[in-house]
Amino acid sequence: MTLDANGWADTQTLLTLVEKTGRPLSRSLLEKVVAENDKQRFAFNEDKTKIRASQGHSIEIDLALRPQTPPEILFHGTAAQFVGPIRLEGLVSQKRQHVHLSLEEETATKVGRRHGVPVILRVSSGEMHRKGVVFYCSENGVWLTEKVPTEFLETPDSA
């Protein structure tokens, strides 16, 4: 499967390649997955001839997102075992293109819970932005930035 520079794949090629694996995937099921995914991880272009992940790429692509002014505070959910390194290095994108941040604490809690005991970090995104850090907001409402330095992070004392 080949992605274009913006991460789009041809929908029909995807369906054909999945069919070759012996797994049933119809166009209507694919459309249902895109529409009903609770995190809206995937998106179609306007005529549904192309599909892509909304964010979270591990390969270099241009989502063609425009820089935006973030809210004053955003949240990042992680697991307790990762708090130590985060306190030393800040939030880094690891194998992804961007650090993912949530508008709501509840969403961050769900993300953190996937990896263990959740810890919610508060990010001073408004201050970061005023100091020149660029933010984007993906189609599904996930805020993206390259890195969150430690001075913009608030971790719970109990973590």
Protein backbone atom coordinates (compact mmCIF):
# COMPACT_ATOMS: atom_id res chain seq x y z
CA MET A 1 0.00 0.00 0.00
CA THR A 2 1.41 3.34 -1.00
CA LEU A 3 0.47 6.56 0.78
CA ASP A 4 0.73 9.93 -0.90
CA ALA A 5 2.61 12.84 0.69
CA ASN A 6 -0.45 13.68 2.81
CA GLY A 7 -0.98 10.14 4.06
CA TRP A 8 -3.90 9.27 1.78
CA ALA A 9 -4.35 5.75 0.41
CA ASP A 10 -6.64 4.75 -2.43
CA THR A 11 -9.78 3.27 -0.87
CA GLN A 12 -10.33 0.64 -3.55
CA THR A 13 -6.69 -0.50 -3.34
CA LEU A 14 -7.08 -0.89 0.42
CA LEU A 15 -10.23 -2.99 -0.02
CA THR A 16 -8.54 -5.16 -2.66
CA LEU A 17 -5.43 -5.74 -0.55
CA VAL A 18 -7.47 -6.63 2.55
CA GLU A 19 -9.56 -9.05 0.47
CA LYS A 20 -6.35 -10.82 -0.61
CA THR A 21 -5.58 -11.55 3.06
CA GLY A 22 -8.82 -13.52 3.33
CA ARG A 23 -10.45 -11.05 5.69
CA PRO A 24 -13.85 -9.77 4.63
CA LEU A 25 -13.99 -5.98 4.34
CA SER A 26 -16.71 -4.39 2.25
CA ARG A 27 -16.91 -0.73 1.37
CA SER A 28 -19.96 -0.35 3.60
CA LEU A 29 -18.14 -1.92 6.57
CA LEU A 30 -15.13 0.35 5.99
CA GLU A 31 -17.44 3.38 5.87
CA LYS A 32 -19.06 2.23 9.11
CA VAL A 33 -15.65 1.85 10.82
CA VAL A 34 -14.64 5.35 9.76
CA ALA A 35 -17.96 6.88 10.83
CA GLU A 36 -18.33 5.06 14.15
CA ASN A 37 -14.77 4.85 15.47
CA ASP A 38 -15.00 6.44 18.92
CA LYS A 39 -11.78 8.41 18.43
CA GLN A 40 -12.41 9.20 14.74
CA ARG A 41 -8.97 7.82 13.94
CA PHE A 42 -9.65 7.60 10.21
CA ALA A 43 -11.05 9.95 7.58
CA PHE A 44 -12.17 9.80 3.97
CA ASN A 45 -11.65 12.55 1.46
CA GLU A 46 -14.84 14.23 0.21
CA ASP A 47 -15.76 11.59 -2.38
CA LYS A 48 -14.46 8.66 -0.25
CA THR A 49 -11.96 7.60 -2.91
CA LYS A 50 -9.11 8.07 -0.42
CA ILE A 51 -8.68 7.19 3.25
CA ARG A 52 -6.08 8.08 5.87
CA ALA A 53 -5.34 8.08 9.56
CA SER A 54 -6.33 11.39 11.16
CA GLN A 55 -3.06 11.53 13.13
CA GLY A 56 -0.56 9.21 14.75
CA HIS A 57 1.54 8.40 11.73
CA SER A 58 4.83 6.66 12.30
CA ILE A 59 6.04 7.69 8.85
CA GLU A 60 6.75 11.23 7.69
CA ILE A 61 3.66 12.70 6.02
CA ASP A 62 2.15 16.14 5.70
CA LEU A 63 -1.39 16.16 7.09
CA ALA A 64 -1.76 19.62 5.52
CA LEU A 65 -2.92 21.03 8.85
CA ARG A 66 -2.65 24.74 9.47
CA PRO A 67 -1.11 26.05 12.69
CA GLN A 68 -3.75 26.97 15.25
CA THR A 69 -3.91 28.75 18.57
CA PRO A 70 -4.48 26.10 21.25
CA PRO A 71 -6.53 26.55 24.41
CA GLU A 72 -4.61 27.65 27.51
CA ILE A 73 -4.50 24.11 28.93
CA LEU A 74 -4.40 20.75 27.19
CA PHE A 75 -3.98 17.28 28.69
CA HIS A 76 -1.81 14.27 28.02
CA GLY A 77 -2.61 10.82 29.35
CA THR A 78 0.21 8.45 30.12
CA ALA A 79 0.91 5.55 32.44
CA ALA A 80 2.57 5.92 35.84
CA GLN A 81 5.69 4.02 34.74
CA PHE A 82 6.46 6.71 32.13
CA VAL A 83 6.21 9.76 34.43
CA GLY A 84 9.86 9.62 35.57
CA PRO A 85 11.34 9.90 32.07
CA ILE A 86 8.73 12.53 31.13
CA ARG A 87 9.76 14.66 34.11
CA LEU A 88 13.35 14.54 32.79
CA GLU A 89 12.78 14.90 29.02
CA GLY A 90 9.31 16.39 28.63
CA LEU A 91 6.87 14.87 26.16
CA VAL A 92 8.53 13.70 22.97
CA SER A 93 6.88 12.17 19.94
CA GLN A 94 8.77 8.84 20.20
CA LYS A 95 7.94 6.92 17.00
CA ARG A 96 5.16 9.27 15.94
CA GLN A 97 5.39 12.60 14.16
CA HIS A 98 3.76 14.57 16.97
CA VAL A 99 2.91 14.56 20.65
CA HIS A 100 -0.84 14.03 21.05
CA LEU A 101 -2.78 16.23 23.44
CA SER A 102 -6.43 16.21 24.50
CA LEU A 103 -8.86 19.00 25.10
CA GLU A 104 -10.58 17.04 27.87
CA GLU A 105 -9.08 15.38 30.93
CA GLU A 106 -11.47 12.43 30.44
CA THR A 107 -10.02 11.64 27.02
CA ALA A 108 -6.48 11.82 28.40
CA THR A 109 -7.47 9.41 31.18
CA LYS A 110 -8.71 6.87 28.60
CA VAL A 111 -5.43 7.17 26.71
CA GLY A 112 -3.33 6.72 29.85
CA ARG A 113 -5.37 3.72 30.97
CA ARG A 114 -4.40 1.80 27.82
CA HIS A 115 -0.84 1.51 29.14
CA GLY A 116 -1.39 0.96 32.87
CA VAL A 117 -2.35 3.14 35.81
CA PRO A 118 -3.28 6.46 34.18
CA VAL A 119 -1.57 9.73 35.05
CA ILE A 120 -2.89 12.97 33.59
CA LEU A 121 -0.41 15.71 32.72
CA ARG A 122 -1.50 19.32 32.32
CA VAL A 123 0.17 21.15 29.47
CA SER A 124 0.48 24.95 29.49
CA SER A 125 -0.25 25.06 25.77
CA GLY A 126 -1.27 28.72 25.69
CA GLU A 127 2.05 29.76 27.19
CA MET A 128 3.93 27.43 24.82
CA HIS A 129 2.16 28.99 21.85
CA ARG A 130 2.96 32.52 23.01
CA LYS A 131 6.63 31.47 23.14
CA GLY A 132 6.51 30.37 19.50
CA VAL A 133 5.64 26.67 19.68
CA VAL A 134 3.44 25.56 16.79
CA PHE A 135 0.24 23.57 17.42
CA TYR A 136 -2.13 21.83 15.04
CA CYS A 137 -5.55 20.34 15.59
CA SER A 138 -6.31 17.17 13.62
CA GLU A 139 -9.68 16.50 12.02
CA ASN A 140 -10.74 14.43 15.02
CA GLY A 141 -9.88 17.09 17.60
CA VAL A 142 -6.51 15.78 18.78
CA TRP A 143 -4.04 18.61 19.36
CA LEU A 144 -0.56 18.00 17.95
CA THR A 145 2.82 19.57 18.59
CA GLU A 146 6.41 18.47 18.10
CA LYS A 147 7.47 18.38 21.76
CA VAL A 148 6.37 19.59 25.20
CA PRO A 149 9.37 20.75 27.27
CA THR A 150 9.26 20.04 31.00
CA GLU A 151 8.72 23.68 31.96
CA PHE A 152 5.27 23.54 30.35
CA LEU A 153 4.21 20.32 32.11
CA GLU A 154 2.43 19.87 35.39
CA THR A 155 2.52 16.35 36.79
CA PRO A 156 0.52 15.27 39.84
CA ASP A 157 2.62 15.06 43.01
CA SER A 158 1.30 11.56 43.64
CA ALA A 159 2.66 10.24 40.33
